[in-house]
Each structure stands twice: as C-alpha cells, then as structure tokens.
Amino acid sequence: MVSKELIEQYKQEIEILIRKNNFQTLRYELFNEQSNLPWATHLFYRDNKFMINK
C-alpha cells in the first residue's frame, strides 16, 4: 500500500507538470476515488497500478 505522503508527493508533481504545460483548464481529480464528477478525468492508484477514468 502506498503511503499518504507518497500520494501527496505524486499529486504535487502532477500539478507542477500541469502548470508547466499550461493544462490548467483541464478538469481532473487526483487520487480521490470518492469523487464522481462526470466531467473530470480521474487519476487514482489501486492494486499497485495507476488508473485513469473519464
């Protein structure tokens, strides 16, 4: 299982890359499996894999 600290580090790194590449207009949820926003791309970590749902 990945620690909350490591997930937070991943989240920060992804957000830096989003800003660096001017993708701020993307709608996304990072590592929040409880979110059900239909218009957002969801990135999460489960079973030792990164997963993306649209």
N, C-alpha and C. Protein backbone atom coordinates (compact mmCIF):
# COMPACT_ATOMS: atom_id res chain seq x y z
N MET A 1 0.84 -1.19 0.00
CA MET A 1 0.00 0.00 0.00
C MET A 1 0.89 1.25 0.00
N VAL A 2 0.51 2.21 -0.78
CA VAL A 2 1.26 3.45 -0.90
C VAL A 2 0.86 4.38 0.25
N SER A 3 1.82 5.02 0.84
CA SER A 3 1.56 5.92 1.96
C SER A 3 0.87 7.20 1.48
N LYS A 4 0.18 7.86 2.39
CA LYS A 4 -0.47 9.13 2.07
C LYS A 4 0.54 10.18 1.68
N GLU A 5 1.72 10.12 2.28
CA GLU A 5 2.77 11.08 1.96
C GLU A 5 3.25 10.91 0.52
N LEU A 6 3.38 9.66 0.09
CA LEU A 6 3.82 9.42 -1.28
C LEU A 6 2.74 9.85 -2.27
N ILE A 7 1.49 9.57 -1.96
CA ILE A 7 0.38 10.02 -2.82
C ILE A 7 0.39 11.54 -2.92
N GLU A 8 0.60 12.21 -1.81
CA GLU A 8 0.64 13.68 -1.82
C GLU A 8 1.81 14.18 -2.67
N GLN A 9 2.93 13.49 -2.61
CA GLN A 9 4.09 13.86 -3.45
C GLN A 9 3.75 13.69 -4.93
N TYR A 10 3.13 12.57 -5.28
CA TYR A 10 2.69 12.35 -6.67
C TYR A 10 1.76 13.47 -7.12
N LYS A 11 0.82 13.79 -6.26
CA LYS A 11 -0.17 14.83 -6.58
C LYS A 11 0.53 16.17 -6.86
N GLN A 12 1.47 16.53 -6.03
CA GLN A 12 2.20 17.78 -6.22
C GLN A 12 2.99 17.77 -7.53
N GLU A 13 3.66 16.66 -7.82
CA GLU A 13 4.43 16.56 -9.05
C GLU A 13 3.54 16.67 -10.29
N ILE A 14 2.39 16.03 -10.24
CA ILE A 14 1.45 16.09 -11.37
C ILE A 14 0.93 17.50 -11.55
N GLU A 15 0.59 18.17 -10.45
CA GLU A 15 0.09 19.54 -10.55
C GLU A 15 1.16 20.49 -11.08
N ILE A 16 2.41 20.28 -10.75
CA ILE A 16 3.51 21.08 -11.30
C ILE A 16 3.58 20.89 -12.81
N LEU A 17 3.50 19.63 -13.26
CA LEU A 17 3.55 19.35 -14.70
C LEU A 17 2.34 19.95 -15.42
N ILE A 18 1.19 19.92 -14.79
CA ILE A 18 0.00 20.52 -15.40
C ILE A 18 0.22 22.01 -15.62
N ARG A 19 0.73 22.70 -14.61
CA ARG A 19 1.00 24.14 -14.75
C ARG A 19 2.10 24.40 -15.77
N LYS A 20 3.16 23.60 -15.73
CA LYS A 20 4.29 23.78 -16.64
C LYS A 20 3.86 23.65 -18.10
N ASN A 21 2.91 22.76 -18.36
CA ASN A 21 2.45 22.53 -19.72
C ASN A 21 1.18 23.31 -20.08
N ASN A 22 0.82 24.26 -19.21
CA ASN A 22 -0.35 25.13 -19.44
C ASN A 22 -1.64 24.33 -19.64
N PHE A 23 -1.83 23.31 -18.81
CA PHE A 23 -3.04 22.49 -18.87
C PHE A 23 -3.99 22.84 -17.72
N GLN A 24 -3.93 24.07 -17.21
CA GLN A 24 -4.75 24.45 -16.07
C GLN A 24 -6.25 24.36 -16.34
N THR A 25 -6.64 24.40 -17.60
CA THR A 25 -8.07 24.34 -17.91
C THR A 25 -8.61 22.92 -17.87
N LEU A 26 -7.75 21.93 -17.72
CA LEU A 26 -8.22 20.55 -17.59
C LEU A 26 -9.03 20.41 -16.31
N ARG A 27 -10.03 19.57 -16.34
CA ARG A 27 -10.81 19.26 -15.14
C ARG A 27 -10.41 17.87 -14.70
N TYR A 28 -9.89 17.76 -13.50
CA TYR A 28 -9.35 16.49 -13.04
C TYR A 28 -9.53 16.33 -11.54
N GLU A 29 -9.47 15.11 -11.12
CA GLU A 29 -9.43 14.74 -9.70
C GLU A 29 -8.22 13.84 -9.53
N LEU A 30 -7.36 14.16 -8.60
CA LEU A 30 -6.16 13.37 -8.37
C LEU A 30 -6.30 12.56 -7.09
N PHE A 31 -6.26 11.26 -7.23
CA PHE A 31 -6.24 10.32 -6.11
C PHE A 31 -7.43 10.49 -5.17
N ASN A 32 -8.62 10.71 -5.76
CA ASN A 32 -9.84 10.84 -4.98
C ASN A 32 -10.89 9.91 -5.59
N GLU A 33 -10.89 8.65 -5.18
CA GLU A 33 -11.80 7.66 -5.75
C GLU A 33 -13.26 7.93 -5.40
N GLN A 34 -13.52 8.71 -4.37
CA GLN A 34 -14.89 9.00 -3.98
C GLN A 34 -15.54 10.07 -4.86
N SER A 35 -14.75 10.81 -5.58
CA SER A 35 -15.30 11.85 -6.45
C SER A 35 -16.05 11.21 -7.61
N ASN A 36 -17.21 11.75 -7.92
CA ASN A 36 -17.98 11.24 -9.06
C ASN A 36 -18.31 12.35 -10.05
N LEU A 37 -17.44 13.32 -10.17
CA LEU A 37 -17.65 14.41 -11.11
C LEU A 37 -17.62 13.85 -12.53
N PRO A 38 -18.72 13.92 -13.26
CA PRO A 38 -18.80 13.28 -14.57
C PRO A 38 -17.94 13.94 -15.64
N TRP A 39 -17.59 15.20 -15.46
CA TRP A 39 -16.85 15.95 -16.48
C TRP A 39 -15.35 15.96 -16.25
N ALA A 40 -14.90 15.30 -15.20
CA ALA A 40 -13.47 15.34 -14.85
C ALA A 40 -12.78 14.02 -15.19
N THR A 41 -11.49 14.12 -15.49
CA THR A 41 -10.65 12.94 -15.62
C THR A 41 -10.16 12.58 -14.21
N HIS A 42 -10.28 11.32 -13.85
CA HIS A 42 -9.93 10.87 -12.51
C HIS A 42 -8.67 10.00 -12.58
N LEU A 43 -7.66 10.40 -11.84
CA LEU A 43 -6.42 9.62 -11.73
C LEU A 43 -6.35 9.09 -10.31
N PHE A 44 -6.17 7.78 -10.17
CA PHE A 44 -6.05 7.21 -8.84
C PHE A 44 -5.12 6.00 -8.87
N TYR A 45 -4.82 5.50 -7.68
CA TYR A 45 -3.86 4.41 -7.50
C TYR A 45 -4.58 3.28 -6.77
N ARG A 46 -4.61 2.10 -7.39
CA ARG A 46 -5.25 0.94 -6.78
C ARG A 46 -4.53 -0.32 -7.22
N ASP A 47 -4.37 -1.25 -6.32
CA ASP A 47 -3.73 -2.54 -6.63
C ASP A 47 -2.37 -2.37 -7.29
N ASN A 48 -1.58 -1.45 -6.76
CA ASN A 48 -0.22 -1.17 -7.27
C ASN A 48 -0.20 -0.70 -8.72
N LYS A 49 -1.29 -0.03 -9.15
CA LYS A 49 -1.36 0.48 -10.52
C LYS A 49 -1.98 1.88 -10.49
N PHE A 50 -1.49 2.73 -11.38
CA PHE A 50 -2.16 4.00 -11.61
C PHE A 50 -3.29 3.76 -12.59
N MET A 51 -4.45 4.36 -12.31
CA MET A 51 -5.61 4.17 -13.17
C MET A 51 -6.22 5.52 -13.52
N ILE A 52 -6.80 5.59 -14.71
CA ILE A 52 -7.47 6.81 -15.16
C ILE A 52 -8.87 6.44 -15.62
N ASN A 53 -9.84 7.19 -15.11
CA ASN A 53 -11.23 7.05 -15.57
C ASN A 53 -11.68 8.37 -16.14
N LYS A 54 -12.45 8.30 -17.18
CA LYS A 54 -13.03 9.52 -17.75
C LYS A 54 -14.51 9.44 -17.61
